[in-house]
Every structure is written in structure tokens, then in C-alpha cells.
Amino acid sequence: MGSTNYKDYYAILQVEKKATEDEIKKSYRKLARKYHPDVNPNDKKSEELFKEVTEAYEVLSDAEKRKKYDQFGQYWKQSAQQSTWQSTGVPFDFGRYNDFQDFINELLGRGPSSSGGYYSSAPSWGSGSEAEIKLTFAEGLRGVQKRLQINGETIDVPIPPGVKTGIKVRVKGKGSYDPLTQQRKDLLLKVHLEPHSFFHFDGDNLICEVPITPDEAALGASLDVPTVDGSVTMRIPSGVKSGQSFRLKGKGWTNTKGTRGDQMVKVVISTPATLSAQEKEYYEKLRSIRTFDPRENLKKIKI
């Protein structure tokens, strides 16, 4: 649903309007880590900032959405839909506008428009009965009841647990009118789940990445891994390779049918950027007595 409060997504992500995709992604990752609720427990301000940078990234990382945002500002979402609603419940068909000024001309009942004609001050209903609803990762996981303004009517919509991006929630009799039957159609709310900084989807499985130290990789270790149910301890064997994945059975996404996926934990060896004097001494000693040569096979390569 559209918002009447304009948010400068470029300012929120601390990037210039001409920023590249890589610059946007880099800034988002930095800010997401800074404001993540796990790093700032019980900090409402950080939680709100985390939601804002995630919302900004969701728009600016998508080429089509970014184009609409640059063109129409706060009304970018309405411009991407055939028919949508503002808080007043009045639909607008943004597809026929060339830019934001054309929209303002029609809204205020003034003209001419860029197409050379005059617009009526009262926009008309479109034929669509579909709209997008944005949910947080937690709302999609556990379900939530959302209060929405549709056609000037306030309705409470129960969102079932396990929804994710692309799933449509049907609201009986709350869509546009069918001119033939004079009955209200059903409204379909297309779910868009905000991206999470740690968890990613692979079907109903959740994918995450956990850093480990070189000694943990060589000797094995017990790791505390976040899951949607809370932290669990996972044992990794000695000799693990960077990029190797481990399965946490039944710790993935519970879909709307009640079936639950797994959580796949990818371990990545993280090398320390700086070493204490003692650490450096032990690493040098380890190098001097090491028998393992990871490049042994390279000696056999011939052209």
C-alpha cells in the first residue's frame, strides 16, 4: 500500500543518487550489520533504522523499482500497479502518466497533460483487484494481522504463518466492483517479504553463512548458530573446508501447509587481519612444522 510520507532512500543508505549497484549493496550490508537487532537488543531506534535501510535497499537494489522511485518519488509503488490504493482508498492508474508532474496535474484537476489533453480531477477505478503487501521476515514466518485501508474501509486481514514473496492472500469481497455482476471481487494481496541480513531462501530451506577461524577448521569446533527458533549448537568436524555446508534438520521455513524445511549452514574460513605477537609466533612455528601441502596436486599439472 502506498505511503504519503516520503522517504529519501538514497539518504537512508548514505549513497549518492548516481550510486552503482555495488555501492548500494556495500552500504546496505554495512548499515544492516550496524543496526541489526541481534547486535542492538531491545534498541527500538536501531530496530527502526534497520527496517528503513532494508526497505531502501529492497527498492534501490531492484532496477525496475529504482527507476519508478526516481521518476515518481513516494508514489513509485502505485506507478508500478494497474490499480492500487492510498490511505484514502482511492485508486490511481499510474501507467498512463509520463512523470510525477502529470499525476499532480490530474490530481489538482488542471492541465494540459503531456499528451495534450485535459484530465478530470476525479480519477476512475481500474479493473484490478490485486495489491502488494510488505511484511517483515518475522511477520512472514509467524503470521500477523494487518489493519489496512481499502476503498475507504478499514479491514483486519489475517496473514497466515509461512507466507513469503510471491504468495497471494485472498480477501473475500474487498476488491474492485465487477461491472457485470455489480458485486465486489476478491482482493488478492501479493506478499513481498523484506530481505533478511542473515537468512536467505532456497525453496523452504533457509541458507546462512557462518565464519570460522583457521584453527576451528583444522581441529573442529562447536558453533552457536542463529536459527528462527533461537540459537543452537552445531558441531563441525576437523578438516572442514571453506564453503562446506551442514544441515540443521527441520530448522528451515515452515510453509503455509505446515511443512518445514531445513537450515543449511555454510562455513567460511575467516583469516585474522591482525595478529598479536604471540599469535604470530605460534603461526610461524606451525608453518615450520606443517606437513600438509594444499598445493601438492599442482606439481602434477602439465601443459
C-alpha atoms as a PDB file:
ATOM      1  CA  MET A   1       0.000   0.000   0.000  1.00  0.00           C
ATOM      2  CA  GLY A   2       1.265   3.476  -0.765  1.00  0.00           C
ATOM      3  CA  SER A   3       2.683   5.812   1.828  1.00  0.00           C
ATOM      4  CA  THR A   4       2.101   9.545   1.973  1.00  0.00           C
ATOM      5  CA  ASN A   5       5.362  10.034   3.917  1.00  0.00           C
ATOM      6  CA  TYR A   6       8.261  10.492   1.530  1.00  0.00           C
ATOM      7  CA  LYS A   7      11.474   8.667   2.389  1.00  0.00           C
ATOM      8  CA  ASP A   8      14.749   9.532   0.700  1.00  0.00           C
ATOM      9  CA  TYR A   9      16.114   6.025   0.167  1.00  0.00           C
ATOM     10  CA  TYR A  10      19.447   7.344  -1.104  1.00  0.00           C
ATOM     11  CA  ALA A  11      19.933   9.378   2.083  1.00  0.00           C
ATOM     12  CA  ILE A  12      18.870   6.420   4.237  1.00  0.00           C
ATOM     13  CA  LEU A  13      21.503   4.202   2.563  1.00  0.00           C
ATOM     14  CA  GLN A  14      24.038   7.064   2.668  1.00  0.00           C
ATOM     15  CA  VAL A  15      24.775   6.919  -1.067  1.00  0.00           C
ATOM     16  CA  GLU A  16      24.573   9.368  -3.962  1.00  0.00           C
ATOM     17  CA  LYS A  17      21.665   9.190  -6.407  1.00  0.00           C
ATOM     18  CA  LYS A  18      24.077   8.029  -9.120  1.00  0.00           C
ATOM     19  CA  ALA A  19      25.466   5.227  -6.913  1.00  0.00           C
ATOM     20  CA  THR A  20      26.220   1.910  -8.603  1.00  0.00           C
ATOM     21  CA  GLU A  21      24.601  -1.400  -7.611  1.00  0.00           C
ATOM     22  CA  ASP A  22      27.802  -2.464  -5.840  1.00  0.00           C
ATOM     23  CA  GLU A  23      27.990   0.790  -3.891  1.00  0.00           C
ATOM     24  CA  ILE A  24      24.358   0.399  -2.805  1.00  0.00           C
ATOM     25  CA  LYS A  25      24.909  -3.232  -1.768  1.00  0.00           C
ATOM     26  CA  LYS A  26      28.112  -2.397   0.128  1.00  0.00           C
ATOM     27  CA  SER A  27      26.472   0.457   2.040  1.00  0.00           C
ATOM     28  CA  TYR A  28      23.401  -1.665   2.851  1.00  0.00           C
ATOM     29  CA  ARG A  29      25.490  -4.508   4.272  1.00  0.00           C
ATOM     30  CA  LYS A  30      27.455  -2.084   6.420  1.00  0.00           C
ATOM     31  CA  LEU A  31      24.330  -0.382   7.806  1.00  0.00           C
ATOM     32  CA  ALA A  32      22.410  -3.646   8.210  1.00  0.00           C
ATOM     33  CA  ARG A  33      25.212  -5.045  10.367  1.00  0.00           C
ATOM     34  CA  LYS A  34      25.351  -1.815  12.377  1.00  0.00           C
ATOM     35  CA  TYR A  35      21.625  -1.659  13.153  1.00  0.00           C
ATOM     36  CA  HIS A  36      20.717  -5.378  13.225  1.00  0.00           C
ATOM     37  CA  PRO A  37      18.508  -6.278  16.247  1.00  0.00           C
ATOM     38  CA  ASP A  38      20.903  -9.085  17.201  1.00  0.00           C
ATOM     39  CA  VAL A  39      23.674  -6.502  17.595  1.00  0.00           C
ATOM     40  CA  ASN A  40      21.393  -3.980  19.325  1.00  0.00           C
ATOM     41  CA  PRO A  41      18.994  -5.992  21.543  1.00  0.00           C
ATOM     42  CA  ASN A  42      15.999  -4.047  22.900  1.00  0.00           C
ATOM     43  CA  ASP A  43      17.051  -0.932  20.988  1.00  0.00           C
ATOM     44  CA  LYS A  44      13.903   0.355  19.258  1.00  0.00           C
ATOM     45  CA  LYS A  45      15.764   3.129  17.441  1.00  0.00           C
ATOM     46  CA  SER A  46      18.232   0.676  15.871  1.00  0.00           C
ATOM     47  CA  GLU A  47      15.349  -1.635  15.006  1.00  0.00           C
ATOM     48  CA  GLU A  48      13.566   1.164  13.129  1.00  0.00           C
ATOM     49  CA  LEU A  49      16.782   2.169  11.347  1.00  0.00           C
ATOM     50  CA  PHE A  50      17.346  -1.464  10.350  1.00  0.00           C
ATOM     51  CA  LYS A  51      13.848  -1.608   8.866  1.00  0.00           C
ATOM     52  CA  GLU A  52      14.437   1.657   6.991  1.00  0.00           C
ATOM     53  CA  VAL A  53      17.747   0.608   5.405  1.00  0.00           C
ATOM     54  CA  THR A  54      16.221  -2.761   4.477  1.00  0.00           C
ATOM     55  CA  GLU A  55      13.236  -1.035   2.868  1.00  0.00           C
ATOM     56  CA  ALA A  56      15.533   1.355   0.997  1.00  0.00           C
ATOM     57  CA  TYR A  57      17.736  -1.494  -0.250  1.00  0.00           C
ATOM     58  CA  GLU A  58      14.720  -3.523  -1.375  1.00  0.00           C
ATOM     59  CA  VAL A  59      13.786  -0.664  -3.728  1.00  0.00           C
ATOM     60  CA  LEU A  60      17.180   0.618  -4.883  1.00  0.00           C
ATOM     61  CA  SER A  61      18.631  -2.859  -5.500  1.00  0.00           C
ATOM     62  CA  ASP A  62      15.843  -3.606  -7.985  1.00  0.00           C
ATOM     63  CA  ALA A  63      16.481  -1.842 -11.303  1.00  0.00           C
ATOM     64  CA  GLU A  64      12.786  -1.508 -12.205  1.00  0.00           C
ATOM     65  CA  LYS A  65      11.710  -0.315  -8.756  1.00  0.00           C
ATOM     66  CA  ARG A  66      14.603   2.131  -8.618  1.00  0.00           C
ATOM     67  CA  LYS A  67      13.580   3.567 -11.997  1.00  0.00           C
ATOM     68  CA  LYS A  68       9.997   4.052 -10.757  1.00  0.00           C
ATOM     69  CA  TYR A  69      11.224   5.583  -7.483  1.00  0.00           C
ATOM     70  CA  ASP A  70      13.482   8.046  -9.321  1.00  0.00           C
ATOM     71  CA  GLN A  71      10.573   9.000 -11.616  1.00  0.00           C
ATOM     72  CA  PHE A  72       7.636   9.188  -9.194  1.00  0.00           C
ATOM     73  CA  GLY A  73       9.186   9.574  -5.739  1.00  0.00           C
ATOM     74  CA  GLN A  74       6.862   8.496  -2.919  1.00  0.00           C
ATOM     75  CA  TYR A  75       4.281   7.294  -5.470  1.00  0.00           C
ATOM     76  CA  TRP A  76       6.671   4.827  -7.148  1.00  0.00           C
ATOM     77  CA  LYS A  77       4.752   1.776  -5.948  1.00  0.00           C
ATOM     78  CA  GLN A  78       1.412   3.000  -7.234  1.00  0.00           C
ATOM     79  CA  SER A  79       3.011   3.671 -10.615  1.00  0.00           C
ATOM     80  CA  ALA A  80       4.038   0.012 -10.872  1.00  0.00           C
ATOM     81  CA  GLN A  81       0.492  -1.286 -10.412  1.00  0.00           C
ATOM     82  CA  GLN A  82      -2.537  -1.185 -12.685  1.00  0.00           C
ATOM     83  CA  SER A  83      -4.686  -0.255  -9.688  1.00  0.00           C
ATOM     84  CA  THR A  84      -3.702   0.427  -6.108  1.00  0.00           C
ATOM     85  CA  TRP A  85      -4.894   2.306  -3.047  1.00  0.00           C
ATOM     86  CA  GLN A  86      -3.692   5.218  -0.978  1.00  0.00           C
ATOM     87  CA  SER A  87      -4.778   5.714   2.633  1.00  0.00           C
ATOM     88  CA  THR A  88      -7.995   7.283   1.344  1.00  0.00           C
ATOM     89  CA  GLY A  89      -8.811   4.076  -0.521  1.00  0.00           C
ATOM     90  CA  VAL A  90      -8.963   5.890  -3.892  1.00  0.00           C
ATOM     91  CA  PRO A  91      -7.293   4.004  -6.793  1.00  0.00           C
ATOM     92  CA  PHE A  92      -4.949   5.567  -9.305  1.00  0.00           C
ATOM     93  CA  ASP A  93      -3.785   4.132 -12.614  1.00  0.00           C
ATOM     94  CA  PHE A  94      -0.208   5.432 -12.832  1.00  0.00           C
ATOM     95  CA  GLY A  95       0.513   3.536 -16.012  1.00  0.00           C
ATOM     96  CA  ARG A  96      -0.782   6.419 -18.129  1.00  0.00           C
ATOM     97  CA  TYR A  97       1.462   9.104 -16.557  1.00  0.00           C
ATOM     98  CA  ASN A  98       4.788  10.054 -18.096  1.00  0.00           C
ATOM     99  CA  ASP A  99       6.090  11.584 -14.889  1.00  0.00           C
ATOM    100  CA  PHE A 100       5.131  12.861 -11.445  1.00  0.00           C
ATOM    101  CA  GLN A 101       4.025  16.257 -12.772  1.00  0.00           C
ATOM    102  CA  ASP A 102       1.384  14.600 -14.949  1.00  0.00           C
ATOM    103  CA  PHE A 103      -0.003  12.931 -11.855  1.00  0.00           C
ATOM    104  CA  ILE A 104      -0.146  16.244  -9.948  1.00  0.00           C
ATOM    105  CA  ASN A 105      -1.938  17.893 -12.886  1.00  0.00           C
ATOM    106  CA  GLU A 106      -4.678  15.299 -12.783  1.00  0.00           C
ATOM    107  CA  LEU A 107      -4.892  15.229  -9.001  1.00  0.00           C
ATOM    108  CA  LEU A 108      -5.475  19.002  -8.912  1.00  0.00           C
ATOM    109  CA  GLY A 109      -7.766  18.994 -11.932  1.00  0.00           C
ATOM    110  CA  ARG A 110      -5.508  21.115 -14.058  1.00  0.00           C
ATOM    111  CA  GLY A 111      -3.982  20.601 -17.497  1.00  0.00           C
ATOM    112  CA  PRO A 112      -2.922  20.193 -20.132  1.00  0.00           C
ATOM    113  CA  SER A 113      -1.032  16.942 -19.619  1.00  0.00           C
ATOM    114  CA  SER A 114       2.000  15.919 -21.640  1.00  0.00           C
ATOM    115  CA  SER A 115      -0.339  14.052 -24.006  1.00  0.00           C
ATOM    116  CA  GLY A 116      -2.034  17.358 -24.929  1.00  0.00           C
ATOM    117  CA  GLY A 117      -5.420  16.713 -23.269  1.00  0.00           C
ATOM    118  CA  TYR A 118      -7.053  17.744 -20.000  1.00  0.00           C
ATOM    119  CA  TYR A 119      -7.529  15.378 -17.086  1.00  0.00           C
ATOM    120  CA  SER A 120     -10.574  15.120 -14.883  1.00  0.00           C
ATOM    121  CA  SER A 121      -9.978  15.929 -11.217  1.00  0.00           C
ATOM    122  CA  ALA A 122     -11.615  12.609 -10.207  1.00  0.00           C
ATOM    123  CA  PRO A 123      -9.537   9.541 -11.096  1.00  0.00           C
ATOM    124  CA  SER A 124     -11.504   6.446 -12.029  1.00  0.00           C
ATOM    125  CA  TRP A 125     -11.437   2.870 -10.825  1.00  0.00           C
ATOM    126  CA  GLY A 126      -9.221   0.402 -12.604  1.00  0.00           C
ATOM    127  CA  SER A 127     -10.201  -3.207 -13.148  1.00  0.00           C
ATOM    128  CA  GLY A 128      -7.557  -4.708 -10.869  1.00  0.00           C
ATOM    129  CA  SER A 129      -8.224  -6.466  -7.597  1.00  0.00           C
ATOM    130  CA  GLU A 130      -4.631  -7.058  -6.631  1.00  0.00           C
ATOM    131  CA  ALA A 131      -2.236  -5.134  -4.423  1.00  0.00           C
ATOM    132  CA  GLU A 132       1.112  -5.688  -2.757  1.00  0.00           C
ATOM    133  CA  ILE A 133       1.614  -6.033   0.982  1.00  0.00           C
ATOM    134  CA  LYS A 134       5.059  -5.775   2.512  1.00  0.00           C
ATOM    135  CA  LEU A 135       5.911  -7.964   5.508  1.00  0.00           C
ATOM    136  CA  THR A 136       8.958  -8.299   7.692  1.00  0.00           C
ATOM    137  CA  PHE A 137      10.773 -11.629   7.805  1.00  0.00           C
ATOM    138  CA  ALA A 138       9.319 -12.312  11.270  1.00  0.00           C
ATOM    139  CA  GLU A 139       5.759 -11.465  10.153  1.00  0.00           C
ATOM    140  CA  GLY A 140       6.025 -13.864   7.236  1.00  0.00           C
ATOM    141  CA  LEU A 141       7.409 -16.579   9.464  1.00  0.00           C
ATOM    142  CA  ARG A 142       4.933 -16.365  12.336  1.00  0.00           C
ATOM    143  CA  GLY A 143       1.904 -14.751  10.710  1.00  0.00           C
ATOM    144  CA  VAL A 144       0.363 -11.415  11.617  1.00  0.00           C
ATOM    145  CA  GLN A 145      -2.892  -9.471  11.491  1.00  0.00           C
ATOM    146  CA  LYS A 146      -2.661  -6.333   9.381  1.00  0.00           C
ATOM    147  CA  ARG A 147      -5.089  -3.405   9.524  1.00  0.00           C
ATOM    148  CA  LEU A 148      -5.482  -1.930   6.039  1.00  0.00           C
ATOM    149  CA  GLN A 149      -7.372   0.954   4.421  1.00  0.00           C
ATOM    150  CA  ILE A 150      -9.089  -0.273   1.258  1.00  0.00           C
ATOM    151  CA  ASN A 151     -11.801   1.649  -0.611  1.00  0.00           C
ATOM    152  CA  GLY A 152     -12.172   3.948   2.379  1.00  0.00           C
ATOM    153  CA  GLU A 153     -12.861   0.893   4.521  1.00  0.00           C
ATOM    154  CA  THR A 154     -10.710  -0.319   7.399  1.00  0.00           C
ATOM    155  CA  ILE A 155     -10.301  -4.076   7.424  1.00  0.00           C
ATOM    156  CA  ASP A 156      -8.261  -6.512   9.503  1.00  0.00           C
ATOM    157  CA  VAL A 157      -6.535  -9.100   7.351  1.00  0.00           C
ATOM    158  CA  PRO A 158      -5.078 -12.215   8.995  1.00  0.00           C
ATOM    159  CA  ILE A 159      -1.835 -13.229   7.302  1.00  0.00           C
ATOM    160  CA  PRO A 160      -1.123 -16.932   7.916  1.00  0.00           C
ATOM    161  CA  PRO A 161       2.307 -18.155   9.088  1.00  0.00           C
ATOM    162  CA  GLY A 162       4.760 -19.270   6.432  1.00  0.00           C
ATOM    163  CA  VAL A 163       3.994 -16.791   3.652  1.00  0.00           C
ATOM    164  CA  LYS A 164       6.841 -15.420   1.560  1.00  0.00           C
ATOM    165  CA  THR A 165       7.400 -13.310  -1.527  1.00  0.00           C
ATOM    166  CA  GLY A 166       5.038 -14.168  -4.383  1.00  0.00           C
ATOM    167  CA  ILE A 167       2.318 -15.823  -2.272  1.00  0.00           C
ATOM    168  CA  LYS A 168      -1.118 -14.242  -2.617  1.00  0.00           C
ATOM    169  CA  VAL A 169      -3.506 -13.868   0.308  1.00  0.00           C
ATOM    170  CA  ARG A 170      -7.171 -13.742  -0.727  1.00  0.00           C
ATOM    171  CA  VAL A 171      -9.526 -11.274   0.986  1.00  0.00           C
ATOM    172  CA  LYS A 172     -13.129 -12.126   0.127  1.00  0.00           C
ATOM    173  CA  GLY A 173     -15.268  -9.370  -1.403  1.00  0.00           C
ATOM    174  CA  LYS A 174     -12.839  -6.482  -0.886  1.00  0.00           C
ATOM    175  CA  GLY A 175     -11.635  -5.940  -4.450  1.00  0.00           C
ATOM    176  CA  SER A 176     -12.999  -3.729  -7.232  1.00  0.00           C
ATOM    177  CA  TYR A 177     -16.592  -3.980  -8.494  1.00  0.00           C
ATOM    178  CA  ASP A 178     -17.448  -6.328 -11.340  1.00  0.00           C
ATOM    179  CA  PRO A 179     -19.492  -4.203 -13.801  1.00  0.00           C
ATOM    180  CA  LEU A 180     -21.457  -7.255 -14.940  1.00  0.00           C
ATOM    181  CA  THR A 181     -22.471  -8.705 -11.582  1.00  0.00           C
ATOM    182  CA  GLN A 182     -22.251  -5.459  -9.597  1.00  0.00           C
ATOM    183  CA  GLN A 183     -20.522  -7.494  -6.917  1.00  0.00           C
ATOM    184  CA  ARG A 184     -17.168  -6.851  -5.288  1.00  0.00           C
ATOM    185  CA  LYS A 185     -14.381  -9.112  -6.459  1.00  0.00           C
ATOM    186  CA  ASP A 186     -11.964 -10.738  -4.079  1.00  0.00           C
ATOM    187  CA  LEU A 187      -8.828  -8.751  -3.295  1.00  0.00           C
ATOM    188  CA  LEU A 188      -5.544 -10.587  -3.740  1.00  0.00           C
ATOM    189  CA  LEU A 189      -2.718  -9.324  -1.555  1.00  0.00           C
ATOM    190  CA  LYS A 190       0.595 -10.268  -3.119  1.00  0.00           C
ATOM    191  CA  VAL A 191       3.159 -10.756  -0.369  1.00  0.00           C
ATOM    192  CA  HIS A 192       6.581  -9.156  -0.566  1.00  0.00           C
ATOM    193  CA  LEU A 193       8.883 -10.302   2.222  1.00  0.00           C
ATOM    194  CA  GLU A 194      11.635  -7.907   3.253  1.00  0.00           C
ATOM    195  CA  PRO A 195      15.116  -9.418   2.851  1.00  0.00           C
ATOM    196  CA  HIS A 196      16.910 -10.627   5.976  1.00  0.00           C
ATOM    197  CA  SER A 197      20.564  -9.807   6.640  1.00  0.00           C
ATOM    198  CA  PHE A 198      21.443 -13.369   7.744  1.00  0.00           C
ATOM    199  CA  PHE A 199      18.872 -15.801   6.346  1.00  0.00           C
ATOM    200  CA  HIS A 200      18.225 -16.409   2.638  1.00  0.00           C
ATOM    201  CA  PHE A 201      15.748 -18.691   0.898  1.00  0.00           C
ATOM    202  CA  ASP A 202      16.300 -21.819  -1.144  1.00  0.00           C
ATOM    203  CA  GLY A 203      12.733 -23.049  -1.518  1.00  0.00           C
ATOM    204  CA  ASP A 204      11.608 -23.779   2.045  1.00  0.00           C
ATOM    205  CA  ASN A 205      15.202 -24.239   3.186  1.00  0.00           C
ATOM    206  CA  LEU A 206      17.000 -21.346   4.841  1.00  0.00           C
ATOM    207  CA  ILE A 207      20.602 -20.634   3.876  1.00  0.00           C
ATOM    208  CA  CYS A 208      23.078 -18.831   6.110  1.00  0.00           C
ATOM    209  CA  GLU A 209      26.812 -18.238   6.292  1.00  0.00           C
ATOM    210  CA  VAL A 210      28.884 -18.598   9.479  1.00  0.00           C
ATOM    211  CA  PRO A 211      32.567 -17.567   9.738  1.00  0.00           C
ATOM    212  CA  ILE A 212      35.080 -19.890  11.427  1.00  0.00           C
ATOM    213  CA  THR A 213      38.752 -19.472  12.324  1.00  0.00           C
ATOM    214  CA  PRO A 214      41.588 -21.478  10.726  1.00  0.00           C
ATOM    215  CA  ASP A 215      42.146 -23.446  13.958  1.00  0.00           C
ATOM    216  CA  GLU A 216      38.435 -24.300  14.172  1.00  0.00           C
ATOM    217  CA  ALA A 217      38.570 -25.568  10.604  1.00  0.00           C
ATOM    218  CA  ALA A 218      41.633 -27.718  11.340  1.00  0.00           C
ATOM    219  CA  LEU A 219      40.614 -29.053  14.762  1.00  0.00           C
ATOM    220  CA  GLY A 220      36.819 -28.993  14.590  1.00  0.00           C
ATOM    221  CA  ALA A 221      34.612 -26.886  16.852  1.00  0.00           C
ATOM    222  CA  SER A 222      31.195 -26.336  18.404  1.00  0.00           C
ATOM    223  CA  LEU A 223      29.464 -23.270  16.909  1.00  0.00           C
ATOM    224  CA  ASP A 224      26.487 -21.292  18.200  1.00  0.00           C
ATOM    225  CA  VAL A 225      24.317 -20.757  15.123  1.00  0.00           C
ATOM    226  CA  PRO A 226      21.239 -18.489  14.985  1.00  0.00           C
ATOM    227  CA  THR A 227      18.022 -20.147  13.772  1.00  0.00           C
ATOM    228  CA  VAL A 228      14.453 -18.842  13.563  1.00  0.00           C
ATOM    229  CA  ASP A 229      13.813 -20.769  16.806  1.00  0.00           C
ATOM    230  CA  GLY A 230      16.816 -19.315  18.623  1.00  0.00           C
ATOM    231  CA  SER A 231      20.494 -20.198  18.822  1.00  0.00           C
ATOM    232  CA  VAL A 232      21.553 -23.863  18.559  1.00  0.00           C
ATOM    233  CA  THR A 233      24.949 -25.520  18.969  1.00  0.00           C
ATOM    234  CA  MET A 234      26.314 -27.224  15.873  1.00  0.00           C
ATOM    235  CA  ARG A 235      29.409 -29.414  15.811  1.00  0.00           C
ATOM    236  CA  ILE A 236      31.736 -29.220  12.814  1.00  0.00           C
ATOM    237  CA  PRO A 237      34.357 -31.927  12.247  1.00  0.00           C
ATOM    238  CA  SER A 238      38.109 -31.405  11.952  1.00  0.00           C
ATOM    239  CA  GLY A 239      39.461 -30.711   8.487  1.00  0.00           C
ATOM    240  CA  VAL A 240      36.400 -28.825   7.279  1.00  0.00           C
ATOM    241  CA  LYS A 241      36.781 -26.871   4.033  1.00  0.00           C
ATOM    242  CA  SER A 242      35.814 -23.251   3.490  1.00  0.00           C
ATOM    243  CA  GLY A 243      32.430 -23.172   1.759  1.00  0.00           C
ATOM    244  CA  GLN A 244      31.316 -26.556   3.088  1.00  0.00           C
ATOM    245  CA  SER A 245      27.661 -26.702   4.170  1.00  0.00           C
ATOM    246  CA  PHE A 246      25.991 -28.502   7.072  1.00  0.00           C
ATOM    247  CA  ARG A 247      22.320 -29.280   7.528  1.00  0.00           C
ATOM    248  CA  LEU A 248      20.211 -28.387  10.551  1.00  0.00           C
ATOM    249  CA  LYS A 249      17.234 -30.687  10.051  1.00  0.00           C
ATOM    250  CA  GLY A 250      13.811 -29.070  10.456  1.00  0.00           C
ATOM    251  CA  LYS A 251      15.175 -25.593  11.209  1.00  0.00           C
ATOM    252  CA  GLY A 252      14.089 -24.001   7.929  1.00  0.00           C
ATOM    253  CA  TRP A 253      10.913 -22.206   6.849  1.00  0.00           C
ATOM    254  CA  THR A 254       7.509 -23.561   7.836  1.00  0.00           C
ATOM    255  CA  ASN A 255       5.303 -23.070   4.789  1.00  0.00           C
ATOM    256  CA  THR A 256       1.559 -22.423   4.771  1.00  0.00           C
ATOM    257  CA  LYS A 257       0.899 -26.186   4.545  1.00  0.00           C
ATOM    258  CA  GLY A 258       2.777 -26.793   7.786  1.00  0.00           C
ATOM    259  CA  THR A 259       5.762 -28.487   6.129  1.00  0.00           C
ATOM    260  CA  ARG A 260       9.132 -27.355   7.408  1.00  0.00           C
ATOM    261  CA  GLY A 261      12.385 -27.144   5.518  1.00  0.00           C
ATOM    262  CA  ASP A 262      15.974 -27.371   6.777  1.00  0.00           C
ATOM    263  CA  GLN A 263      18.618 -24.768   7.540  1.00  0.00           C
ATOM    264  CA  MET A 264      21.832 -25.049   5.545  1.00  0.00           C
ATOM    265  CA  VAL A 265      24.851 -23.571   7.319  1.00  0.00           C
ATOM    266  CA  LYS A 266      27.771 -22.659   5.064  1.00  0.00           C
ATOM    267  CA  VAL A 267      31.045 -22.273   6.970  1.00  0.00           C
ATOM    268  CA  VAL A 268      33.627 -19.847   5.627  1.00  0.00           C
ATOM    269  CA  ILE A 269      37.162 -19.697   6.986  1.00  0.00           C
ATOM    270  CA  SER A 270      37.919 -16.172   8.152  1.00  0.00           C
ATOM    271  CA  THR A 271      41.596 -15.268   8.411  1.00  0.00           C
ATOM    272  CA  PRO A 272      42.532 -12.680  11.075  1.00  0.00           C
ATOM    273  CA  ALA A 273      43.656  -9.349   9.626  1.00  0.00           C
ATOM    274  CA  THR A 274      45.968  -8.658  12.580  1.00  0.00           C
ATOM    275  CA  LEU A 275      47.832 -10.942  14.957  1.00  0.00           C
ATOM    276  CA  SER A 276      49.217 -10.461  18.429  1.00  0.00           C
ATOM    277  CA  ALA A 277      52.922 -11.116  18.893  1.00  0.00           C
ATOM    278  CA  GLN A 278      52.198 -14.484  20.492  1.00  0.00           C
ATOM    279  CA  GLU A 279      49.726 -15.481  17.772  1.00  0.00           C
ATOM    280  CA  LYS A 280      52.266 -14.586  15.106  1.00  0.00           C
ATOM    281  CA  GLU A 281      54.915 -16.652  16.898  1.00  0.00           C
ATOM    282  CA  TYR A 282      52.654 -19.716  17.007  1.00  0.00           C
ATOM    283  CA  TYR A 283      51.567 -19.337  13.382  1.00  0.00           C
ATOM    284  CA  GLU A 284      55.224 -19.194  12.311  1.00  0.00           C
ATOM    285  CA  LYS A 285      56.002 -22.247  14.431  1.00  0.00           C
ATOM    286  CA  LEU A 286      53.027 -24.055  12.902  1.00  0.00           C
ATOM    287  CA  ARG A 287      54.251 -23.176   9.418  1.00  0.00           C
ATOM    288  CA  SER A 288      57.691 -24.549  10.157  1.00  0.00           C
ATOM    289  CA  ILE A 289      56.357 -27.952  11.262  1.00  0.00           C
ATOM    290  CA  ARG A 290      53.391 -28.257   8.907  1.00  0.00           C
ATOM    291  CA  THR A 291      53.298 -31.459   6.840  1.00  0.00           C
ATOM    292  CA  PHE A 292      50.150 -30.730   4.840  1.00  0.00           C
ATOM    293  CA  ASP A 293      50.641 -29.155   1.413  1.00  0.00           C
ATOM    294  CA  PRO A 294      47.309 -27.972  -0.103  1.00  0.00           C
ATOM    295  CA  ARG A 295      49.040 -27.376  -3.453  1.00  0.00           C
ATOM    296  CA  GLU A 296      50.505 -30.841  -3.810  1.00  0.00           C
ATOM    297  CA  ASN A 297      48.382 -31.669  -6.907  1.00  0.00           C
ATOM    298  CA  LEU A 298      49.616 -28.531  -8.695  1.00  0.00           C
ATOM    299  CA  LYS A 299      53.028 -30.195  -9.107  1.00  0.00           C
ATOM    300  CA  LYS A 300      51.437 -32.784 -11.409  1.00  0.00           C
ATOM    301  CA  ILE A 301      49.863 -30.301 -13.777  1.00  0.00           C
ATOM    302  CA  LYS A 302      51.404 -30.195 -17.257  1.00  0.00           C
ATOM    303  CA  ILE A 303      50.581 -28.397 -20.478  1.00  0.00           C
END
